[in-house]
Amino acid sequence: VPLQNTLYANTDTYVMDLSNNHLVYSTEQGWVGKEVFIYHRQDANQPFSLRQHFNSSDFDDDIVHSSALDEDILVIGGHNGTHVFSEHNGVFEKSLSLNQRFESVQISARSL
């Protein structure tokens, strides 16, 4: 997968998802994910470039356990809950937070 920008990581990559023209990954500090990076490309022949960056504090959580990506929906499973983001005009915005923690999240046919 060609990248226009460097993959930023303070330590190791914790979780990673690829859907259509988006690449999402979380970095690990200690044993927990703390940052989420979203890369985008215009089409399969173009390199990915950094589009957006979250710290876990940006979505009111301190740990990223898992993530799932399906076209324009991103779900992040955190220590304090599960957070759903929708893409609007090229930016993922938090749409919903569930007060339930899941160790693993998946999206299929727009269902969590």
PDB file of N, CA and C in Angstrom:
ATOM      1  N   VAL A   1       0.858  -1.173   0.000  1.00  0.00           N
ATOM      2  CA  VAL A   1       0.000   0.000   0.000  1.00  0.00           C
ATOM      3  C   VAL A   1       0.903   1.235   0.000  1.00  0.00           C
ATOM      4  N   PRO A   2       0.898   2.044  -1.050  1.00  0.00           N
ATOM      5  CA  PRO A   2       1.755   3.225  -1.080  1.00  0.00           C
ATOM      6  C   PRO A   2       1.234   4.317  -0.148  1.00  0.00           C
ATOM      7  N   LEU A   3       2.161   4.982   0.549  1.00  0.00           N
ATOM      8  CA  LEU A   3       1.821   6.057   1.475  1.00  0.00           C
ATOM      9  C   LEU A   3       2.489   7.341   1.040  1.00  0.00           C
ATOM     10  N   GLN A   4       1.745   8.420   1.083  1.00  0.00           N
ATOM     11  CA  GLN A   4       2.319   9.722   0.785  1.00  0.00           C
ATOM     12  C   GLN A   4       3.008  10.283   2.021  1.00  0.00           C
ATOM     13  N   ASN A   5       2.424  10.029   3.199  1.00  0.00           N
ATOM     14  CA  ASN A   5       2.977  10.475   4.467  1.00  0.00           C
ATOM     15  C   ASN A   5       3.484   9.277   5.250  1.00  0.00           C
ATOM     16  N   THR A   6       4.358   9.535   6.186  1.00  0.00           N
ATOM     17  CA  THR A   6       4.859   8.499   7.076  1.00  0.00           C
ATOM     18  C   THR A   6       3.752   8.038   7.998  1.00  0.00           C
ATOM     19  N   LEU A   7       3.742   6.737   8.330  1.00  0.00           N
ATOM     20  CA  LEU A   7       2.840   6.263   9.372  1.00  0.00           C
ATOM     21  C   LEU A   7       3.405   6.736  10.704  1.00  0.00           C
ATOM     22  N   TYR A   8       2.607   7.482  11.434  1.00  0.00           N
ATOM     23  CA  TYR A   8       3.053   8.029  12.710  1.00  0.00           C
ATOM     24  C   TYR A   8       2.746   7.046  13.818  1.00  0.00           C
ATOM     25  N   ALA A   9       3.734   6.746  14.608  1.00  0.00           N
ATOM     26  CA  ALA A   9       3.523   5.842  15.738  1.00  0.00           C
ATOM     27  C   ALA A   9       4.600   6.103  16.775  1.00  0.00           C
ATOM     28  N   ASN A  10       4.171   6.352  17.998  1.00  0.00           N
ATOM     29  CA  ASN A  10       5.112   6.512  19.103  1.00  0.00           C
ATOM     30  C   ASN A  10       5.697   5.166  19.489  1.00  0.00           C
ATOM     31  N   THR A  11       4.910   4.136  19.331  1.00  0.00           N
ATOM     32  CA  THR A  11       5.356   2.773  19.621  1.00  0.00           C
ATOM     33  C   THR A  11       4.802   1.862  18.534  1.00  0.00           C
ATOM     34  N   ASP A  12       4.223   0.735  18.906  1.00  0.00           N
ATOM     35  CA  ASP A  12       3.733  -0.242  17.950  1.00  0.00           C
ATOM     36  C   ASP A  12       2.302   0.064  17.508  1.00  0.00           C
ATOM     37  N   THR A  13       1.942  -0.467  16.353  1.00  0.00           N
ATOM     38  CA  THR A  13       0.562  -0.371  15.883  1.00  0.00           C
ATOM     39  C   THR A  13      -0.275  -1.369  16.665  1.00  0.00           C
ATOM     40  N   TYR A  14      -1.437  -0.917  17.136  1.00  0.00           N
ATOM     41  CA  TYR A  14      -2.292  -1.741  17.988  1.00  0.00           C
ATOM     42  C   TYR A  14      -3.410  -2.394  17.189  1.00  0.00           C
ATOM     43  N   VAL A  15      -4.213  -1.609  16.478  1.00  0.00           N
ATOM     44  CA  VAL A  15      -5.266  -2.149  15.612  1.00  0.00           C
ATOM     45  C   VAL A  15      -5.202  -1.429  14.275  1.00  0.00           C
ATOM     46  N   MET A  16      -5.638  -2.113  13.193  1.00  0.00           N
ATOM     47  CA  MET A  16      -5.600  -1.508  11.864  1.00  0.00           C
ATOM     48  C   MET A  16      -6.774  -2.021  11.047  1.00  0.00           C
ATOM     49  N   ASP A  17      -7.366  -1.119  10.245  1.00  0.00           N
ATOM     50  CA  ASP A  17      -8.461  -1.484   9.355  1.00  0.00           C
ATOM     51  C   ASP A  17      -8.284  -0.775   8.022  1.00  0.00           C
ATOM     52  N   LEU A  18      -8.725  -1.430   6.956  1.00  0.00           N
ATOM     53  CA  LEU A  18      -8.665  -0.877   5.611  1.00  0.00           C
ATOM     54  C   LEU A  18     -10.015  -1.109   4.956  1.00  0.00           C
ATOM     55  N   SER A  19     -10.638  -0.042   4.462  1.00  0.00           N
ATOM     56  CA  SER A  19     -11.915  -0.159   3.772  1.00  0.00           C
ATOM     57  C   SER A  19     -11.970   0.885   2.669  1.00  0.00           C
ATOM     58  N   ASN A  20     -12.283   0.413   1.473  1.00  0.00           N
ATOM     59  CA  ASN A  20     -12.298   1.290   0.306  1.00  0.00           C
ATOM     60  C   ASN A  20     -11.020   2.106   0.256  1.00  0.00           C
ATOM     61  N   ASN A  21     -11.103   3.389   0.383  1.00  0.00           N
ATOM     62  CA  ASN A  21      -9.926   4.244   0.275  1.00  0.00           C
ATOM     63  C   ASN A  21      -9.521   4.860   1.604  1.00  0.00           C
ATOM     64  N   HIS A  22      -9.846   4.177   2.699  1.00  0.00           N
ATOM     65  CA  HIS A  22      -9.454   4.633   4.029  1.00  0.00           C
ATOM     66  C   HIS A  22      -8.593   3.574   4.721  1.00  0.00           C
ATOM     67  N   LEU A  23      -7.603   4.026   5.431  1.00  0.00           N
ATOM     68  CA  LEU A  23      -6.755   3.188   6.269  1.00  0.00           C
ATOM     69  C   LEU A  23      -6.775   3.804   7.659  1.00  0.00           C
ATOM     70  N   VAL A  24      -7.147   3.019   8.665  1.00  0.00           N
ATOM     71  CA  VAL A  24      -7.228   3.505  10.046  1.00  0.00           C
ATOM     72  C   VAL A  24      -6.359   2.615  10.908  1.00  0.00           C
ATOM     73  N   TYR A  25      -5.579   3.223  11.799  1.00  0.00           N
ATOM     74  CA  TYR A  25      -4.824   2.421  12.750  1.00  0.00           C
ATOM     75  C   TYR A  25      -4.660   3.167  14.059  1.00  0.00           C
ATOM     76  N   SER A  26      -4.395   2.395  15.087  1.00  0.00           N
ATOM     77  CA  SER A  26      -4.197   2.939  16.428  1.00  0.00           C
ATOM     78  C   SER A  26      -2.807   2.550  16.892  1.00  0.00           C
ATOM     79  N   THR A  27      -2.149   3.470  17.580  1.00  0.00           N
ATOM     80  CA  THR A  27      -0.830   3.164  18.134  1.00  0.00           C
ATOM     81  C   THR A  27      -0.970   2.742  19.585  1.00  0.00           C
ATOM     82  N   GLU A  28       0.046   2.079  20.055  1.00  0.00           N
ATOM     83  CA  GLU A  28       0.045   1.498  21.392  1.00  0.00           C
ATOM     84  C   GLU A  28       1.057   2.212  22.271  1.00  0.00           C
ATOM     85  N   GLN A  29       0.661   2.471  23.498  1.00  0.00           N
ATOM     86  CA  GLN A  29       1.583   2.964  24.524  1.00  0.00           C
ATOM     87  C   GLN A  29       1.394   2.059  25.723  1.00  0.00           C
ATOM     88  N   GLY A  30       2.452   1.392  26.156  1.00  0.00           N
ATOM     89  CA  GLY A  30       2.257   0.361  27.167  1.00  0.00           C
ATOM     90  C   GLY A  30       1.542  -0.796  26.486  1.00  0.00           C
ATOM     91  N   TRP A  31       0.418  -1.190  26.994  1.00  0.00           N
ATOM     92  CA  TRP A  31      -0.364  -2.265  26.379  1.00  0.00           C
ATOM     93  C   TRP A  31      -1.677  -1.760  25.810  1.00  0.00           C
ATOM     94  N   VAL A  32      -1.842  -0.451  25.666  1.00  0.00           N
ATOM     95  CA  VAL A  32      -3.134   0.087  25.225  1.00  0.00           C
ATOM     96  C   VAL A  32      -2.964   1.052  24.071  1.00  0.00           C
ATOM     97  N   GLY A  33      -3.964   1.130  23.208  1.00  0.00           N
ATOM     98  CA  GLY A  33      -3.965   2.092  22.114  1.00  0.00           C
ATOM     99  C   GLY A  33      -4.344   3.462  22.622  1.00  0.00           C
ATOM    100  N   LYS A  34      -3.639   4.471  22.178  1.00  0.00           N
ATOM    101  CA  LYS A  34      -3.882   5.827  22.655  1.00  0.00           C
ATOM    102  C   LYS A  34      -4.205   6.816  21.546  1.00  0.00           C
ATOM    103  N   GLU A  35      -3.778   6.546  20.323  1.00  0.00           N
ATOM    104  CA  GLU A  35      -3.994   7.480  19.225  1.00  0.00           C
ATOM    105  C   GLU A  35      -4.566   6.737  18.024  1.00  0.00           C
ATOM    106  N   VAL A  36      -5.424   7.430  17.260  1.00  0.00           N
ATOM    107  CA  VAL A  36      -6.013   6.855  16.058  1.00  0.00           C
ATOM    108  C   VAL A  36      -5.664   7.766  14.884  1.00  0.00           C
ATOM    109  N   PHE A  37      -5.165   7.173  13.799  1.00  0.00           N
ATOM    110  CA  PHE A  37      -4.787   7.908  12.598  1.00  0.00           C
ATOM    111  C   PHE A  37      -5.656   7.434  11.445  1.00  0.00           C
ATOM    112  N   ILE A  38      -6.156   8.359  10.634  1.00  0.00           N
ATOM    113  CA  ILE A  38      -6.982   8.030   9.481  1.00  0.00           C
ATOM    114  C   ILE A  38      -6.289   8.561   8.228  1.00  0.00           C
ATOM    115  N   TYR A  39      -6.000   7.650   7.310  1.00  0.00           N
ATOM    116  CA  TYR A  39      -5.402   7.997   6.025  1.00  0.00           C
ATOM    117  C   TYR A  39      -6.446   7.802   4.928  1.00  0.00           C
ATOM    118  N   HIS A  40      -6.313   8.541   3.853  1.00  0.00           N
ATOM    119  CA  HIS A  40      -7.269   8.461   2.753  1.00  0.00           C
ATOM    120  C   HIS A  40      -6.498   8.561   1.430  1.00  0.00           C
ATOM    121  N   ARG A  41      -7.057   7.933   0.402  1.00  0.00           N
ATOM    122  CA  ARG A  41      -6.542   8.093  -0.957  1.00  0.00           C
ATOM    123  C   ARG A  41      -7.726   8.309  -1.891  1.00  0.00           C
ATOM    124  N   GLN A  42      -7.482   8.987  -2.992  1.00  0.00           N
ATOM    125  CA  GLN A  42      -8.556   9.297  -3.949  1.00  0.00           C
ATOM    126  C   GLN A  42      -9.020   8.054  -4.710  1.00  0.00           C
ATOM    127  N   ASP A  43      -8.077   7.190  -5.081  1.00  0.00           N
ATOM    128  CA  ASP A  43      -8.424   5.939  -5.753  1.00  0.00           C
ATOM    129  C   ASP A  43      -7.285   4.952  -5.549  1.00  0.00           C
ATOM    130  N   ALA A  44      -7.480   3.745  -6.036  1.00  0.00           N
ATOM    131  CA  ALA A  44      -6.523   2.664  -5.789  1.00  0.00           C
ATOM    132  C   ALA A  44      -5.142   2.932  -6.375  1.00  0.00           C
ATOM    133  N   ASN A  45      -5.023   3.855  -7.326  1.00  0.00           N
ATOM    134  CA  ASN A  45      -3.734   4.163  -7.943  1.00  0.00           C
ATOM    135  C   ASN A  45      -2.994   5.295  -7.239  1.00  0.00           C
ATOM    136  N   GLN A  46      -3.581   5.876  -6.222  1.00  0.00           N
ATOM    137  CA  GLN A  46      -2.988   7.001  -5.510  1.00  0.00           C
ATOM    138  C   GLN A  46      -2.440   6.541  -4.151  1.00  0.00           C
ATOM    139  N   PRO A  47      -1.457   7.239  -3.624  1.00  0.00           N
ATOM    140  CA  PRO A  47      -0.958   6.894  -2.284  1.00  0.00           C
ATOM    141  C   PRO A  47      -1.904   7.416  -1.199  1.00  0.00           C
ATOM    142  N   PHE A  48      -1.828   6.801  -0.033  1.00  0.00           N
ATOM    143  CA  PHE A  48      -2.584   7.274   1.123  1.00  0.00           C
ATOM    144  C   PHE A  48      -1.906   8.502   1.709  1.00  0.00           C
ATOM    145  N   SER A  49      -2.695   9.442   2.189  1.00  0.00           N
ATOM    146  CA  SER A  49      -2.151  10.596   2.905  1.00  0.00           C
ATOM    147  C   SER A  49      -2.946  10.782   4.197  1.00  0.00           C
ATOM    148  N   LEU A  50      -2.283  11.317   5.190  1.00  0.00           N
ATOM    149  CA  LEU A  50      -2.911  11.513   6.492  1.00  0.00           C
ATOM    150  C   LEU A  50      -4.064  12.498   6.363  1.00  0.00           C
ATOM    151  N   ARG A  51      -5.230  12.102   6.817  1.00  0.00           N
ATOM    152  CA  ARG A  51      -6.421  12.942   6.737  1.00  0.00           C
ATOM    153  C   ARG A  51      -6.835  13.452   8.115  1.00  0.00           C
ATOM    154  N   GLN A  52      -6.709  12.583   9.153  1.00  0.00           N
ATOM    155  CA  GLN A  52      -7.243  12.946  10.464  1.00  0.00           C
ATOM    156  C   GLN A  52      -6.503  12.190  11.556  1.00  0.00           C
ATOM    157  N   HIS A  53      -6.458  12.770  12.739  1.00  0.00           N
ATOM    158  CA  HIS A  53      -5.767  12.179  13.879  1.00  0.00           C
ATOM    159  C   HIS A  53      -6.594  12.428  15.135  1.00  0.00           C
ATOM    160  N   PHE A  54      -6.791  11.382  15.942  1.00  0.00           N
ATOM    161  CA  PHE A  54      -7.479  11.504  17.228  1.00  0.00           C
ATOM    162  C   PHE A  54      -6.552  11.034  18.329  1.00  0.00           C
ATOM    163  N   ASN A  55      -6.612  11.695  19.466  1.00  0.00           N
ATOM    164  CA  ASN A  55      -6.106  11.125  20.712  1.00  0.00           C
ATOM    165  C   ASN A  55      -7.295  10.465  21.367  1.00  0.00           C
ATOM    166  N   SER A  56      -7.075   9.451  22.190  1.00  0.00           N
ATOM    167  CA  SER A  56      -8.204   8.787  22.827  1.00  0.00           C
ATOM    168  C   SER A  56      -9.023   9.771  23.665  1.00  0.00           C
ATOM    169  N   SER A  57      -8.423  10.834  24.145  1.00  0.00           N
ATOM    170  CA  SER A  57      -9.174  11.834  24.913  1.00  0.00           C
ATOM    171  C   SER A  57     -10.151  12.618  24.028  1.00  0.00           C
ATOM    172  N   ASP A  58      -9.945  12.622  22.697  1.00  0.00           N
ATOM    173  CA  ASP A  58     -10.854  13.311  21.785  1.00  0.00           C
ATOM    174  C   ASP A  58     -12.235  12.661  21.743  1.00  0.00           C
ATOM    175  N   PHE A  59     -12.307  11.380  22.105  1.00  0.00           N
ATOM    176  CA  PHE A  59     -13.615  10.725  22.130  1.00  0.00           C
ATOM    177  C   PHE A  59     -13.914  10.179  23.523  1.00  0.00           C
ATOM    178  N   ASP A  60     -13.413  10.886  24.531  1.00  0.00           N
ATOM    179  CA  ASP A  60     -13.735  10.615  25.936  1.00  0.00           C
ATOM    180  C   ASP A  60     -13.442   9.188  26.358  1.00  0.00           C
ATOM    181  N   ASP A  61     -12.289   8.700  25.972  1.00  0.00           N
ATOM    182  CA  ASP A  61     -11.882   7.368  26.391  1.00  0.00           C
ATOM    183  C   ASP A  61     -10.380   7.392  26.592  1.00  0.00           C
ATOM    184  N   ASP A  62      -9.878   6.437  27.334  1.00  0.00           N
ATOM    185  CA  ASP A  62      -8.446   6.438  27.589  1.00  0.00           C
ATOM    186  C   ASP A  62      -7.724   5.272  26.933  1.00  0.00           C
ATOM    187  N   ILE A  63      -8.468   4.357  26.319  1.00  0.00           N
ATOM    188  CA  ILE A  63      -7.865   3.171  25.719  1.00  0.00           C
ATOM    189  C   ILE A  63      -8.618   2.828  24.434  1.00  0.00           C
ATOM    190  N   VAL A  64      -7.907   2.422  23.404  1.00  0.00           N
ATOM    191  CA  VAL A  64      -8.523   1.902  22.182  1.00  0.00           C
ATOM    192  C   VAL A  64      -8.269   0.399  22.144  1.00  0.00           C
ATOM    193  N   HIS A  65      -9.347  -0.398  22.277  1.00  0.00           N
ATOM    194  CA  HIS A  65      -9.211  -1.859  22.242  1.00  0.00           C
ATOM    195  C   HIS A  65      -9.303  -2.394  20.819  1.00  0.00           C
ATOM    196  N   SER A  66     -10.198  -1.790  20.043  1.00  0.00           N
ATOM    197  CA  SER A  66     -10.443  -2.327  18.703  1.00  0.00           C
ATOM    198  C   SER A  66     -11.025  -1.233  17.819  1.00  0.00           C
ATOM    199  N   SER A  67     -11.027  -1.494  16.530  1.00  0.00           N
ATOM    200  CA  SER A  67     -11.670  -0.577  15.594  1.00  0.00           C
ATOM    201  C   SER A  67     -12.242  -1.389  14.444  1.00  0.00           C
ATOM    202  N   ALA A  68     -13.243  -0.806  13.802  1.00  0.00           N
ATOM    203  CA  ALA A  68     -13.835  -1.414  12.618  1.00  0.00           C
ATOM    204  C   ALA A  68     -14.186  -0.283  11.665  1.00  0.00           C
ATOM    205  N   LEU A  69     -13.996  -0.521  10.389  1.00  0.00           N
ATOM    206  CA  LEU A  69     -14.206   0.497   9.374  1.00  0.00           C
ATOM    207  C   LEU A  69     -14.993  -0.122   8.230  1.00  0.00           C
ATOM    208  N   ASP A  70     -16.060   0.551   7.825  1.00  0.00           N
ATOM    209  CA  ASP A  70     -16.839   0.103   6.684  1.00  0.00           C
ATOM    210  C   ASP A  70     -17.282   1.339   5.914  1.00  0.00           C
ATOM    211  N   GLU A  71     -16.589   1.614   4.817  1.00  0.00           N
ATOM    212  CA  GLU A  71     -16.832   2.768   3.963  1.00  0.00           C
ATOM    213  C   GLU A  71     -16.803   4.070   4.764  1.00  0.00           C
ATOM    214  N   ASP A  72     -17.956   4.624   5.132  1.00  0.00           N
ATOM    215  CA  ASP A  72     -17.985   5.923   5.812  1.00  0.00           C
ATOM    216  C   ASP A  72     -18.347   5.829   7.286  1.00  0.00           C
ATOM    217  N   ILE A  73     -18.254   4.627   7.869  1.00  0.00           N
ATOM    218  CA  ILE A  73     -18.533   4.435   9.291  1.00  0.00           C
ATOM    219  C   ILE A  73     -17.295   3.848   9.955  1.00  0.00           C
ATOM    220  N   LEU A  74     -16.896   4.456  11.051  1.00  0.00           N
ATOM    221  CA  LEU A  74     -15.759   4.007  11.858  1.00  0.00           C
ATOM    222  C   LEU A  74     -16.264   3.754  13.267  1.00  0.00           C
ATOM    223  N   VAL A  75     -15.941   2.591  13.819  1.00  0.00           N
ATOM    224  CA  VAL A  75     -16.313   2.260  15.190  1.00  0.00           C
ATOM    225  C   VAL A  75     -15.028   2.017  15.964  1.00  0.00           C
ATOM    226  N   ILE A  76     -14.926   2.657  17.119  1.00  0.00           N
ATOM    227  CA  ILE A  76     -13.766   2.476  17.985  1.00  0.00           C
ATOM    228  C   ILE A  76     -14.256   1.909  19.311  1.00  0.00           C
ATOM    229  N   GLY A  77     -13.740   0.744  19.648  1.00  0.00           N
ATOM    230  CA  GLY A  77     -14.057   0.120  20.932  1.00  0.00           C
ATOM    231  C   GLY A  77     -13.045   0.576  21.959  1.00  0.00           C
ATOM    232  N   GLY A  78     -13.524   1.263  22.972  1.00  0.00           N
ATOM    233  CA  GLY A  78     -12.639   1.785  24.004  1.00  0.00           C
ATOM    234  C   GLY A  78     -12.910   1.169  25.359  1.00  0.00           C
ATOM    235  N   HIS A  79     -12.118   1.558  26.331  1.00  0.00           N
ATOM    236  CA  HIS A  79     -12.243   1.058  27.699  1.00  0.00           C
ATOM    237  C   HIS A  79     -13.557   1.510  28.338  1.00  0.00           C
ATOM    238  N   ASN A  80     -13.982   2.747  28.042  1.00  0.00           N
ATOM    239  CA  ASN A  80     -15.179   3.316  28.665  1.00  0.00           C
ATOM    240  C   ASN A  80     -16.435   3.161  27.823  1.00  0.00           C
ATOM    241  N   GLY A  81     -16.326   2.678  26.599  1.00  0.00           N
ATOM    242  CA  GLY A  81     -17.503   2.539  25.749  1.00  0.00           C
ATOM    243  C   GLY A  81     -17.119   2.277  24.315  1.00  0.00           C
ATOM    244  N   THR A  82     -18.127   2.308  23.455  1.00  0.00           N
ATOM    245  CA  THR A  82     -17.940   2.098  22.033  1.00  0.00           C
ATOM    246  C   THR A  82     -18.377   3.365  21.311  1.00  0.00           C
ATOM    247  N   HIS A  83     -17.558   3.859  20.405  1.00  0.00           N
ATOM    248  CA  HIS A  83     -17.772   5.163  19.787  1.00  0.00           C
ATOM    249  C   HIS A  83     -17.931   4.996  18.285  1.00  0.00           C
ATOM    250  N   VAL A  84     -19.012   5.562  17.738  1.00  0.00           N
ATOM    251  CA  VAL A  84     -19.331   5.444  16.322  1.00  0.00           C
ATOM    252  C   VAL A  84     -19.107   6.804  15.659  1.00  0.00           C
ATOM    253  N   PHE A  85     -18.347   6.799  14.566  1.00  0.00           N
ATOM    254  CA  PHE A  85     -18.044   8.007  13.800  1.00  0.00           C
ATOM    255  C   PHE A  85     -18.599   7.839  12.397  1.00  0.00           C
ATOM    256  N   SER A  86     -19.118   8.917  11.825  1.00  0.00           N
ATOM    257  CA  SER A  86     -19.584   8.930  10.438  1.00  0.00           C
ATOM    258  C   SER A  86     -18.773   9.960   9.665  1.00  0.00           C
ATOM    259  N   GLU A  87     -18.488   9.644   8.419  1.00  0.00           N
ATOM    260  CA  GLU A  87     -17.735  10.581   7.588  1.00  0.00           C
ATOM    261  C   GLU A  87     -18.688  11.591   6.957  1.00  0.00           C
ATOM    262  N   HIS A  88     -18.378  12.864   7.140  1.00  0.00           N
ATOM    263  CA  HIS A  88     -19.141  13.964   6.539  1.00  0.00           C
ATOM    264  C   HIS A  88     -18.150  14.919   5.901  1.00  0.00           C
ATOM    265  N   ASN A  89     -18.266  15.130   4.600  1.00  0.00           N
ATOM    266  CA  ASN A  89     -17.375  16.035   3.868  1.00  0.00           C
ATOM    267  C   ASN A  89     -15.902  15.704   4.097  1.00  0.00           C
ATOM    268  N   GLY A  90     -15.586  14.412   4.113  1.00  0.00           N
ATOM    269  CA  GLY A  90     -14.202  13.980   4.230  1.00  0.00           C
ATOM    270  C   GLY A  90     -13.647  13.923   5.633  1.00  0.00           C
ATOM    271  N   VAL A  91     -14.468  14.199   6.652  1.00  0.00           N
ATOM    272  CA  VAL A  91     -14.013  14.196   8.042  1.00  0.00           C
ATOM    273  C   VAL A  91     -14.897  13.254   8.856  1.00  0.00           C
ATOM    274  N   PHE A  92     -14.267  12.407   9.673  1.00  0.00           N
ATOM    275  CA  PHE A  92     -15.027  11.537  10.557  1.00  0.00           C
ATOM    276  C   PHE A  92     -15.411  12.314  11.813  1.00  0.00           C
ATOM    277  N   GLU A  93     -16.718  12.334  12.105  1.00  0.00           N
ATOM    278  CA  GLU A  93     -17.250  13.032  13.273  1.00  0.00           C
ATOM    279  C   GLU A  93     -17.977  12.027  14.148  1.00  0.00           C
ATOM    280  N   LYS A  94     -17.857  12.214  15.472  1.00  0.00           N
ATOM    281  CA  LYS A  94     -18.531  11.291  16.387  1.00  0.00           C
ATOM    282  C   LYS A  94     -20.035  11.445  16.255  1.00  0.00           C
ATOM    283  N   SER A  95     -20.712  10.317  16.017  1.00  0.00           N
ATOM    284  CA  SER A  95     -22.156  10.312  15.853  1.00  0.00           C
ATOM    285  C   SER A  95     -22.867   9.780  17.089  1.00  0.00           C
ATOM    286  N   LEU A  96     -22.213   8.820  17.753  1.00  0.00           N
ATOM    287  CA  LEU A  96     -22.881   8.103  18.825  1.00  0.00           C
ATOM    288  C   LEU A  96     -21.843   7.472  19.729  1.00  0.00           C
ATOM    289  N   SER A  97     -22.108   7.482  21.024  1.00  0.00           N
ATOM    290  CA  SER A  97     -21.286   6.740  21.979  1.00  0.00           C
ATOM    291  C   SER A  97     -22.186   5.794  22.753  1.00  0.00           C
ATOM    292  N   LEU A  98     -21.768   4.556  22.838  1.00  0.00           N
ATOM    293  CA  LEU A  98     -22.498   3.549  23.602  1.00  0.00           C
ATOM    294  C   LEU A  98     -21.780   3.340  24.920  1.00  0.00           C
ATOM    295  N   ASN A  99     -22.493   3.291  25.989  1.00  0.00           N
ATOM    296  CA  ASN A  99     -21.880   3.104  27.304  1.00  0.00           C
ATOM    297  C   ASN A  99     -21.625   1.637  27.593  1.00  0.00           C
ATOM    298  N   GLN A 100     -21.238   0.918  26.566  1.00  0.00           N
ATOM    299  CA  GLN A 100     -20.922  -0.490  26.712  1.00  0.00           C
ATOM    300  C   GLN A 100     -19.576  -0.763  26.083  1.00  0.00           C
ATOM    301  N   ARG A 101     -18.759  -1.486  26.780  1.00  0.00           N
ATOM    302  CA  ARG A 101     -17.420  -1.812  26.303  1.00  0.00           C
ATOM    303  C   ARG A 101     -17.440  -3.149  25.578  1.00  0.00           C
ATOM    304  N   PHE A 102     -16.802  -3.193  24.410  1.00  0.00           N
ATOM    305  CA  PHE A 102     -16.633  -4.428  23.661  1.00  0.00           C
ATOM    306  C   PHE A 102     -15.141  -4.615  23.417  1.00  0.00           C
ATOM    307  N   GLU A 103     -14.643  -5.809  23.627  1.00  0.00           N
ATOM    308  CA  GLU A 103     -13.233  -6.097  23.380  1.00  0.00           C
ATOM    309  C   GLU A 103     -12.932  -6.132  21.889  1.00  0.00           C
ATOM    310  N   SER A 104     -13.966  -6.442  21.090  1.00  0.00           N
ATOM    311  CA  SER A 104     -13.801  -6.515  19.650  1.00  0.00           C
ATOM    312  C   SER A 104     -15.064  -5.961  18.999  1.00  0.00           C
ATOM    313  N   VAL A 105     -14.884  -5.196  17.918  1.00  0.00           N
ATOM    314  CA  VAL A 105     -16.024  -4.649  17.181  1.00  0.00           C
ATOM    315  C   VAL A 105     -15.881  -4.999  15.702  1.00  0.00           C
ATOM    316  N   GLN A 106     -17.020  -5.188  15.038  1.00  0.00           N
ATOM    317  CA  GLN A 106     -17.042  -5.464  13.604  1.00  0.00           C
ATOM    318  C   GLN A 106     -18.251  -4.768  12.992  1.00  0.00           C
ATOM    319  N   ILE A 107     -18.122  -4.364  11.742  1.00  0.00           N
ATOM    320  CA  ILE A 107     -19.224  -3.794  10.988  1.00  0.00           C
ATOM    321  C   ILE A 107     -19.427  -4.649   9.746  1.00  0.00           C
ATOM    322  N   SER A 108     -20.686  -4.959   9.474  1.00  0.00           N
ATOM    323  CA  SER A 108     -21.014  -5.692   8.254  1.00  0.00           C
ATOM    324  C   SER A 108     -22.368  -5.200   7.768  1.00  0.00           C
ATOM    325  N   ALA A 109     -22.440  -4.795   6.514  1.00  0.00           N
ATOM    326  CA  ALA A 109     -23.672  -4.285   5.915  1.00  0.00           C
ATOM    327  C   ALA A 109     -24.284  -3.189   6.785  1.00  0.00           C
ATOM    328  N   ARG A 110     -23.411  -2.297   7.275  1.00  0.00           N
ATOM    329  CA  ARG A 110     -23.804  -1.137   8.080  1.00  0.00           C
ATOM    330  C   ARG A 110     -24.411  -1.506   9.420  1.00  0.00           C
ATOM    331  N   SER A 111     -24.139  -2.721   9.893  1.00  0.00           N
ATOM    332  CA  SER A 111     -24.606  -3.165  11.205  1.00  0.00           C
ATOM    333  C   SER A 111     -23.403  -3.444  12.087  1.00  0.00           C
ATOM    334  N   LEU A 112     -23.504  -3.065  13.355  1.00  0.00           N
ATOM    335  CA  LEU A 112     -22.419  -3.269  14.324  1.00  0.00           C
ATOM    336  C   LEU A 112     -22.596  -4.603  15.004  1.00  0.00           C
TER     337      LEU A 112
END
